[in-house]
Every structure is written in structure tokens, then in C-alpha cells.
């Protein structure tokens, strides 16, 4: 499961990097449907980071992996 998440993050990563940010996969809890990530660079302190997380990264993961229920940001 972790590999599947990593592949999808690799697809969205260029958009984040274009704005000076990035994302790191921290944990995958398939049983509870939770993916934990850490936003890095400009994304870590951007006022739009919660929108990026939920509507950007989260939306793509949920659409492509039916077991994903929630995405959480860790510091």
C-alpha cells in the first residue's frame, strides 16, 4: 500500500515543487484508511497548506485508492 501512495505522491509532487514545496510520506494505516504526510519547504508554512492537503493531495489519493478515508498532516 505504501508503494501505491508513493507513486501517487510522485505524480503530484511536481506541482508542489513548482511553488517551492514538497511532500513526504510518513505513515500509511490501511486498516483505518489514514495516510500521514509532512508538507515541506514553502508548503509547510503556506496559509493554503490545509487546502493543498485536503483538496489537492487528499482528493487525488481518495479518488485513486478506495481504502483512503483521511489524510493527515504531521509536523
N, C-alpha and C. Protein backbone atom coordinates (compact mmCIF):
# COMPACT_ATOMS: atom_id res chain seq x y z
N UNK A 1 0.81 -1.19 0.00
CA UNK A 1 0.00 0.00 0.00
C UNK A 1 0.86 1.26 0.00
N UNK A 2 1.93 1.21 0.75
CA UNK A 2 2.82 2.37 0.83
C UNK A 2 3.37 2.73 -0.55
N UNK A 3 3.70 1.72 -1.33
CA UNK A 3 4.23 1.96 -2.68
C UNK A 3 3.21 2.64 -3.57
N UNK A 4 1.94 2.24 -3.43
CA UNK A 4 0.88 2.87 -4.22
C UNK A 4 0.75 4.35 -3.88
N UNK A 5 0.80 4.66 -2.59
CA UNK A 5 0.71 6.05 -2.14
C UNK A 5 1.91 6.83 -2.66
N UNK A 6 3.09 6.26 -2.56
CA UNK A 6 4.31 6.93 -3.03
C UNK A 6 4.22 7.25 -4.52
N UNK A 7 3.68 6.34 -5.31
CA UNK A 7 3.54 6.57 -6.75
C UNK A 7 2.63 7.76 -7.03
N UNK A 8 1.54 7.86 -6.30
CA UNK A 8 0.61 8.97 -6.50
C UNK A 8 1.23 10.27 -6.02
N UNK A 9 1.93 10.24 -4.90
CA UNK A 9 2.60 11.45 -4.42
C UNK A 9 3.64 11.92 -5.42
N UNK A 10 4.31 10.99 -6.07
CA UNK A 10 5.31 11.35 -7.08
C UNK A 10 4.65 12.09 -8.25
N UNK A 11 3.39 11.79 -8.51
CA UNK A 11 2.66 12.47 -9.59
C UNK A 11 2.25 13.89 -9.21
N UNK A 12 1.92 14.12 -7.94
CA UNK A 12 1.50 15.46 -7.52
C UNK A 12 2.68 16.32 -7.07
N UNK A 13 3.78 15.69 -6.77
CA UNK A 13 4.97 16.39 -6.27
C UNK A 13 5.46 17.53 -7.17
N UNK A 14 5.50 17.36 -8.50
CA UNK A 14 5.99 18.47 -9.34
C UNK A 14 5.20 19.77 -9.15
N UNK A 15 3.91 19.68 -8.92
CA UNK A 15 3.11 20.89 -8.68
C UNK A 15 3.53 21.58 -7.39
N UNK A 16 3.80 20.79 -6.37
CA UNK A 16 4.25 21.35 -5.10
C UNK A 16 5.64 21.96 -5.24
N UNK A 17 6.51 21.25 -5.92
CA UNK A 17 7.88 21.72 -6.09
C UNK A 17 7.94 22.99 -6.93
N UNK A 18 7.00 23.16 -7.84
CA UNK A 18 6.97 24.37 -8.65
C UNK A 18 6.73 25.61 -7.80
N UNK A 19 6.09 25.42 -6.65
CA UNK A 19 5.85 26.52 -5.72
C UNK A 19 6.83 26.54 -4.55
N UNK A 20 7.89 25.74 -4.64
CA UNK A 20 8.92 25.73 -3.60
C UNK A 20 8.63 24.81 -2.44
N UNK A 21 7.70 23.89 -2.63
CA UNK A 21 7.34 22.96 -1.55
C UNK A 21 7.59 21.52 -1.94
N UNK A 22 7.12 20.64 -1.07
CA UNK A 22 7.25 19.20 -1.31
C UNK A 22 6.38 18.47 -0.29
N UNK A 23 6.29 17.16 -0.44
CA UNK A 23 5.52 16.34 0.49
C UNK A 23 6.31 15.07 0.76
N UNK A 24 6.29 14.64 2.02
CA UNK A 24 6.97 13.40 2.43
C UNK A 24 5.94 12.47 3.04
N UNK A 25 5.94 11.23 2.62
CA UNK A 25 5.04 10.23 3.20
C UNK A 25 5.62 9.78 4.53
N UNK A 26 4.82 9.88 5.57
CA UNK A 26 5.25 9.50 6.91
C UNK A 26 4.73 8.12 7.30
N UNK A 27 3.44 7.88 7.08
CA UNK A 27 2.86 6.61 7.52
C UNK A 27 1.62 6.29 6.70
N UNK A 28 1.35 5.00 6.55
CA UNK A 28 0.14 4.52 5.89
C UNK A 28 -0.53 3.53 6.82
N UNK A 29 -1.76 3.85 7.21
CA UNK A 29 -2.55 2.96 8.07
C UNK A 29 -3.73 2.47 7.23
N UNK A 30 -3.50 1.39 6.51
CA UNK A 30 -4.52 0.87 5.60
C UNK A 30 -5.77 0.42 6.35
N UNK A 31 -5.57 -0.15 7.52
CA UNK A 31 -6.71 -0.66 8.30
C UNK A 31 -7.72 0.45 8.60
N UNK A 32 -7.23 1.64 8.96
CA UNK A 32 -8.11 2.76 9.29
C UNK A 32 -8.26 3.76 8.15
N UNK A 33 -7.56 3.53 7.05
CA UNK A 33 -7.68 4.38 5.88
C UNK A 33 -7.03 5.74 6.04
N UNK A 34 -5.95 5.81 6.81
CA UNK A 34 -5.30 7.09 7.09
C UNK A 34 -3.91 7.13 6.46
N UNK A 35 -3.64 8.22 5.75
CA UNK A 35 -2.32 8.47 5.18
C UNK A 35 -1.78 9.72 5.88
N UNK A 36 -0.58 9.61 6.44
CA UNK A 36 0.05 10.75 7.12
C UNK A 36 1.20 11.25 6.29
N UNK A 37 1.20 12.56 6.06
CA UNK A 37 2.25 13.19 5.26
C UNK A 37 2.79 14.41 5.99
N UNK A 38 3.96 14.83 5.55
CA UNK A 38 4.57 16.05 6.07
C UNK A 38 4.81 16.98 4.89
N UNK A 39 4.21 18.16 4.94
CA UNK A 39 4.46 19.16 3.91
C UNK A 39 5.79 19.82 4.22
N UNK A 40 6.56 20.08 3.18
CA UNK A 40 7.91 20.60 3.36
C UNK A 40 8.10 21.87 2.54
N UNK A 41 9.17 22.58 2.85
CA UNK A 41 9.51 23.79 2.11
C UNK A 41 8.44 24.85 2.27
N UNK A 42 8.14 25.52 1.17
CA UNK A 42 7.15 26.59 1.20
C UNK A 42 5.77 26.09 1.60
N UNK A 43 5.48 24.82 1.34
CA UNK A 43 4.16 24.27 1.68
C UNK A 43 3.97 24.15 3.19
N UNK A 44 5.04 24.01 3.93
CA UNK A 44 4.92 23.78 5.38
C UNK A 44 4.39 25.00 6.12
N UNK A 45 4.60 26.19 5.59
CA UNK A 45 4.16 27.39 6.29
C UNK A 45 3.17 28.22 5.47
N UNK A 46 2.74 27.71 4.36
CA UNK A 46 1.82 28.43 3.48
C UNK A 46 0.42 28.47 4.09
N UNK A 47 -0.25 29.61 4.02
CA UNK A 47 -1.62 29.70 4.55
C UNK A 47 -2.60 28.79 3.80
N UNK A 48 -2.24 28.38 2.61
CA UNK A 48 -3.10 27.50 1.81
C UNK A 48 -2.77 26.01 2.00
N UNK A 49 -1.89 25.70 2.94
CA UNK A 49 -1.44 24.31 3.09
C UNK A 49 -2.57 23.35 3.42
N UNK A 50 -3.55 23.76 4.21
CA UNK A 50 -4.65 22.85 4.53
C UNK A 50 -5.49 22.57 3.29
N UNK A 51 -5.65 23.57 2.44
CA UNK A 51 -6.37 23.36 1.19
C UNK A 51 -5.58 22.45 0.26
N UNK A 52 -4.28 22.66 0.18
CA UNK A 52 -3.41 21.80 -0.62
C UNK A 52 -3.50 20.36 -0.14
N UNK A 53 -3.49 20.19 1.16
CA UNK A 53 -3.53 18.86 1.75
C UNK A 53 -4.86 18.16 1.47
N UNK A 54 -5.96 18.82 1.79
CA UNK A 54 -7.29 18.18 1.69
C UNK A 54 -7.80 18.12 0.26
N UNK A 55 -7.76 19.24 -0.44
CA UNK A 55 -8.36 19.30 -1.77
C UNK A 55 -7.41 18.89 -2.88
N UNK A 56 -6.13 18.97 -2.63
CA UNK A 56 -5.16 18.56 -3.64
C UNK A 56 -4.74 17.13 -3.44
N UNK A 57 -3.85 16.92 -2.51
CA UNK A 57 -3.27 15.61 -2.26
C UNK A 57 -4.34 14.60 -1.82
N UNK A 58 -5.16 14.99 -0.85
CA UNK A 58 -6.18 14.09 -0.32
C UNK A 58 -7.19 13.66 -1.37
N UNK A 59 -7.63 14.61 -2.18
CA UNK A 59 -8.63 14.31 -3.21
C UNK A 59 -8.09 13.29 -4.20
N UNK A 60 -6.84 13.47 -4.61
CA UNK A 60 -6.23 12.54 -5.58
C UNK A 60 -6.08 11.15 -4.96
N UNK A 61 -5.58 11.09 -3.73
CA UNK A 61 -5.40 9.79 -3.08
C UNK A 61 -6.73 9.06 -2.91
N UNK A 62 -7.75 9.77 -2.46
CA UNK A 62 -9.06 9.15 -2.26
C UNK A 62 -9.69 8.68 -3.56
N UNK A 63 -9.46 9.44 -4.63
CA UNK A 63 -10.02 9.07 -5.92
C UNK A 63 -9.34 7.82 -6.50
N UNK A 64 -8.07 7.67 -6.23
CA UNK A 64 -7.31 6.58 -6.83
C UNK A 64 -7.19 5.34 -5.95
N UNK A 65 -7.31 5.53 -4.63
CA UNK A 65 -7.18 4.41 -3.69
C UNK A 65 -8.43 4.37 -2.82
N UNK A 66 -9.30 3.43 -3.09
CA UNK A 66 -10.60 3.42 -2.40
C UNK A 66 -10.51 3.18 -0.90
N UNK A 67 -9.40 2.70 -0.40
CA UNK A 67 -9.28 2.45 1.04
C UNK A 67 -8.88 3.71 1.81
N UNK A 68 -8.45 4.77 1.13
CA UNK A 68 -8.04 6.00 1.81
C UNK A 68 -9.28 6.78 2.24
N UNK A 69 -9.39 7.02 3.54
CA UNK A 69 -10.51 7.77 4.11
C UNK A 69 -10.11 9.17 4.56
N UNK A 70 -8.84 9.32 4.96
CA UNK A 70 -8.40 10.58 5.53
C UNK A 70 -6.91 10.77 5.27
N UNK A 71 -6.52 12.03 5.12
CA UNK A 71 -5.11 12.38 5.02
C UNK A 71 -4.81 13.35 6.13
N UNK A 72 -3.73 13.09 6.85
CA UNK A 72 -3.35 13.92 7.99
C UNK A 72 -1.96 14.50 7.77
N UNK A 73 -1.82 15.75 8.23
CA UNK A 73 -0.51 16.39 8.19
C UNK A 73 0.16 16.24 9.54
N UNK A 74 1.41 15.84 9.51
CA UNK A 74 2.21 15.76 10.73
C UNK A 74 3.33 16.77 10.61
N UNK A 75 3.81 17.23 11.76
CA UNK A 75 4.89 18.22 11.76
C UNK A 75 6.23 17.59 12.02
